[in-house]
Amino acid sequence: MKAVNLRPPRDDFFVSIPDPSHVQVPVLECRRDLLESMRIFSQLKNIRRQKGALKSRLRKQIAEITRHINSIRSSIPDVTLEEEMVPKQQAPEAKAKKPITDFAKIEQGLQDIEAKLAKLK
């Protein structure tokens, strides 16, 4: 069974613009922004492509360098060197300070007092 459209067809897509010059400037600015975004995206794609190419080139160079290092290591003979016995230097023992006795404290205090008295005279 076929659906019957009872409404008359309307032209909903047409809207009258009384002064199109006011609308043209924003539309053109929008188009300019869109083209600028597309240009930036294109540059970004190129940069990503270049980055990928540089990465693959770097991987190849690293693999080649690794092969060269391994071939050089295999051509160098294995030599074992005896380590020289270096005697450990012992740190000089710190001299133990004599504990200050009460008598020494009193004597130092007397000397300080005598020095102050000498300055006053």
C-alpha atoms as a PDB file:
ATOM      1  CA  MET A   1       0.000   0.000   0.000  1.00  0.00           C
ATOM      2  CA  LYS A   2       1.322   3.396  -0.963  1.00  0.00           C
ATOM      3  CA  ALA A   3       1.277   6.369   1.412  1.00  0.00           C
ATOM      4  CA  VAL A   4      -0.632   9.296   0.106  1.00  0.00           C
ATOM      5  CA  ASN A   5       0.716  12.792   0.718  1.00  0.00           C
ATOM      6  CA  LEU A   6      -2.299  14.904   1.573  1.00  0.00           C
ATOM      7  CA  ARG A   7      -0.411  18.181   2.010  1.00  0.00           C
ATOM      8  CA  PRO A   8       0.330  20.370  -0.935  1.00  0.00           C
ATOM      9  CA  PRO A   9       4.064  20.696  -1.701  1.00  0.00           C
ATOM     10  CA  ARG A  10       5.645  23.740  -0.078  1.00  0.00           C
ATOM     11  CA  ASP A  11       8.799  25.474  -1.001  1.00  0.00           C
ATOM     12  CA  ASP A  12      10.480  25.416   2.451  1.00  0.00           C
ATOM     13  CA  PHE A  13      13.981  25.831   1.093  1.00  0.00           C
ATOM     14  CA  PHE A  14      13.596  29.258  -0.411  1.00  0.00           C
ATOM     15  CA  VAL A  15      14.000  32.234   1.868  1.00  0.00           C
ATOM     16  CA  SER A  16      13.935  35.713   0.495  1.00  0.00           C
ATOM     17  CA  ILE A  17      16.879  37.909   1.441  1.00  0.00           C
ATOM     18  CA  PRO A  18      15.957  41.543   0.978  1.00  0.00           C
ATOM     19  CA  ASP A  19      19.546  42.904   0.889  1.00  0.00           C
ATOM     20  CA  PRO A  20      22.056  40.207  -0.123  1.00  0.00           C
ATOM     21  CA  SER A  21      25.054  42.519   0.224  1.00  0.00           C
ATOM     22  CA  HIS A  22      24.795  42.294   4.036  1.00  0.00           C
ATOM     23  CA  VAL A  23      24.967  38.507   3.856  1.00  0.00           C
ATOM     24  CA  GLN A  24      27.713  38.262   1.243  1.00  0.00           C
ATOM     25  CA  VAL A  25      30.469  39.599   3.510  1.00  0.00           C
ATOM     26  CA  PRO A  26      29.941  37.043   6.325  1.00  0.00           C
ATOM     27  CA  VAL A  27      29.603  34.226   3.783  1.00  0.00           C
ATOM     28  CA  LEU A  28      32.834  35.246   2.065  1.00  0.00           C
ATOM     29  CA  GLU A  29      34.610  35.536   5.429  1.00  0.00           C
ATOM     30  CA  CYS A  30      33.397  32.064   6.337  1.00  0.00           C
ATOM     31  CA  ARG A  31      34.654  30.698   3.015  1.00  0.00           C
ATOM     32  CA  ARG A  32      38.003  32.424   3.587  1.00  0.00           C
ATOM     33  CA  ASP A  33      38.284  30.843   7.054  1.00  0.00           C
ATOM     34  CA  LEU A  34      37.381  27.452   5.613  1.00  0.00           C
ATOM     35  CA  LEU A  35      40.035  27.725   2.897  1.00  0.00           C
ATOM     36  CA  GLU A  36      42.608  28.851   5.484  1.00  0.00           C
ATOM     37  CA  SER A  37      41.760  25.833   7.649  1.00  0.00           C
ATOM     38  CA  MET A  38      42.104  23.537   4.647  1.00  0.00           C
ATOM     39  CA  ARG A  39      45.502  25.067   3.807  1.00  0.00           C
ATOM     40  CA  ILE A  40      46.725  24.590   7.388  1.00  0.00           C
ATOM     41  CA  PHE A  41      45.475  20.990   7.389  1.00  0.00           C
ATOM     42  CA  SER A  42      47.287  20.344   4.117  1.00  0.00           C
ATOM     43  CA  GLN A  43      50.505  21.729   5.613  1.00  0.00           C
ATOM     44  CA  LEU A  44      50.002  19.530   8.680  1.00  0.00           C
ATOM     45  CA  LYS A  45      49.578  16.455   6.479  1.00  0.00           C
ATOM     46  CA  ASN A  46      52.803  17.304   4.638  1.00  0.00           C
ATOM     47  CA  ILE A  47      54.669  17.760   7.914  1.00  0.00           C
ATOM     48  CA  ARG A  48      53.376  14.413   9.209  1.00  0.00           C
ATOM     49  CA  ARG A  49      54.418  12.709   5.972  1.00  0.00           C
ATOM     50  CA  GLN A  50      57.905  14.245   6.193  1.00  0.00           C
ATOM     51  CA  LYS A  51      58.167  13.241   9.848  1.00  0.00           C
ATOM     52  CA  GLY A  52      57.289   9.641   8.994  1.00  0.00           C
ATOM     53  CA  ALA A  53      59.875   9.593   6.203  1.00  0.00           C
ATOM     54  CA  LEU A  54      62.533  10.981   8.546  1.00  0.00           C
ATOM     55  CA  LYS A  55      61.654   8.398  11.207  1.00  0.00           C
ATOM     56  CA  SER A  56      61.992   5.513   8.762  1.00  0.00           C
ATOM     57  CA  ARG A  57      65.291   6.916   7.461  1.00  0.00           C
ATOM     58  CA  LEU A  58      66.559   7.251  11.026  1.00  0.00           C
ATOM     59  CA  ARG A  59      65.553   3.654  11.822  1.00  0.00           C
ATOM     60  CA  LYS A  60      67.486   2.434   8.771  1.00  0.00           C
ATOM     61  CA  GLN A  61      70.555   4.453   9.765  1.00  0.00           C
ATOM     62  CA  ILE A  62      70.422   3.159  13.346  1.00  0.00           C
ATOM     63  CA  ALA A  63      70.154  -0.431  12.077  1.00  0.00           C
ATOM     64  CA  GLU A  64      73.143   0.154   9.786  1.00  0.00           C
ATOM     65  CA  ILE A  65      75.199   1.679  12.609  1.00  0.00           C
ATOM     66  CA  THR A  66      74.308  -1.253  14.864  1.00  0.00           C
ATOM     67  CA  ARG A  67      75.481  -3.700  12.177  1.00  0.00           C
ATOM     68  CA  HIS A  68      78.773  -1.801  11.838  1.00  0.00           C
ATOM     69  CA  ILE A  69      79.305  -1.752  15.609  1.00  0.00           C
ATOM     70  CA  ASN A  70      78.645  -5.489  15.836  1.00  0.00           C
ATOM     71  CA  SER A  71      81.077  -6.228  12.990  1.00  0.00           C
ATOM     72  CA  ILE A  72      83.749  -4.064  14.648  1.00  0.00           C
ATOM     73  CA  ARG A  73      83.192  -5.792  17.993  1.00  0.00           C
ATOM     74  CA  SER A  74      83.513  -9.206  16.377  1.00  0.00           C
ATOM     75  CA  SER A  75      86.784  -8.235  14.662  1.00  0.00           C
ATOM     76  CA  ILE A  76      88.404  -6.965  17.882  1.00  0.00           C
ATOM     77  CA  PRO A  77      90.110  -9.780  19.813  1.00  0.00           C
ATOM     78  CA  ASP A  78      88.989 -10.505  23.334  1.00  0.00           C
ATOM     79  CA  VAL A  79      91.642  -9.409  25.802  1.00  0.00           C
ATOM     80  CA  THR A  80      91.404  -9.780  29.518  1.00  0.00           C
ATOM     81  CA  LEU A  81      93.460  -7.396  31.579  1.00  0.00           C
ATOM     82  CA  GLU A  82      94.478  -8.075  35.104  1.00  0.00           C
ATOM     83  CA  GLU A  83      93.345  -5.403  37.434  1.00  0.00           C
ATOM     84  CA  GLU A  84      96.062  -3.794  39.471  1.00  0.00           C
ATOM     85  CA  MET A  85      95.589  -4.058  43.159  1.00  0.00           C
ATOM     86  CA  VAL A  86      95.403  -0.517  44.440  1.00  0.00           C
ATOM     87  CA  PRO A  87      95.772  -0.349  48.185  1.00  0.00           C
ATOM     88  CA  LYS A  88      92.964   1.515  49.805  1.00  0.00           C
ATOM     89  CA  GLN A  89      94.056   4.631  51.549  1.00  0.00           C
ATOM     90  CA  GLN A  90      92.833   4.824  55.037  1.00  0.00           C
ATOM     91  CA  ALA A  91      91.471   8.121  56.109  1.00  0.00           C
ATOM     92  CA  PRO A  92      93.559   9.706  58.839  1.00  0.00           C
ATOM     93  CA  GLU A  93      91.948   9.263  62.172  1.00  0.00           C
ATOM     94  CA  ALA A  94      90.342  12.396  63.448  1.00  0.00           C
ATOM     95  CA  LYS A  95      92.041  13.642  66.539  1.00  0.00           C
ATOM     96  CA  ALA A  96      89.754  13.316  69.441  1.00  0.00           C
ATOM     97  CA  LYS A  97      89.131  16.684  71.007  1.00  0.00           C
ATOM     98  CA  LYS A  98      89.701  16.854  74.668  1.00  0.00           C
ATOM     99  CA  PRO A  99      86.475  17.384  76.492  1.00  0.00           C
ATOM    100  CA  ILE A 100      86.349  20.801  78.065  1.00  0.00           C
ATOM    101  CA  THR A 101      86.382  20.402  81.788  1.00  0.00           C
ATOM    102  CA  ASP A 102      84.699  22.663  84.296  1.00  0.00           C
ATOM    103  CA  PHE A 103      88.077  23.990  85.353  1.00  0.00           C
ATOM    104  CA  ALA A 104      88.945  24.980  81.748  1.00  0.00           C
ATOM    105  CA  LYS A 105      85.566  26.719  81.370  1.00  0.00           C
ATOM    106  CA  ILE A 106      86.116  28.718  84.543  1.00  0.00           C
ATOM    107  CA  GLU A 107      89.638  29.644  83.461  1.00  0.00           C
ATOM    108  CA  GLN A 108      88.377  30.811  80.039  1.00  0.00           C
ATOM    109  CA  GLY A 109      85.668  32.891  81.708  1.00  0.00           C
ATOM    110  CA  LEU A 110      88.279  34.555  83.953  1.00  0.00           C
ATOM    111  CA  GLN A 111      90.441  35.410  80.951  1.00  0.00           C
ATOM    112  CA  ASP A 112      87.445  36.996  79.178  1.00  0.00           C
ATOM    113  CA  ILE A 113      86.592  39.086  82.241  1.00  0.00           C
ATOM    114  CA  GLU A 114      90.221  40.225  82.633  1.00  0.00           C
ATOM    115  CA  ALA A 115      90.323  41.220  78.936  1.00  0.00           C
ATOM    116  CA  LYS A 116      87.163  43.332  79.359  1.00  0.00           C
ATOM    117  CA  LEU A 117      88.578  45.000  82.478  1.00  0.00           C
ATOM    118  CA  ALA A 118      91.788  45.802  80.616  1.00  0.00           C
ATOM    119  CA  LYS A 119      89.774  47.531  77.888  1.00  0.00           C
ATOM    120  CA  LEU A 120      87.889  49.629  80.416  1.00  0.00           C
ATOM    121  CA  LYS A 121      91.084  50.900  82.135  1.00  0.00           C
END
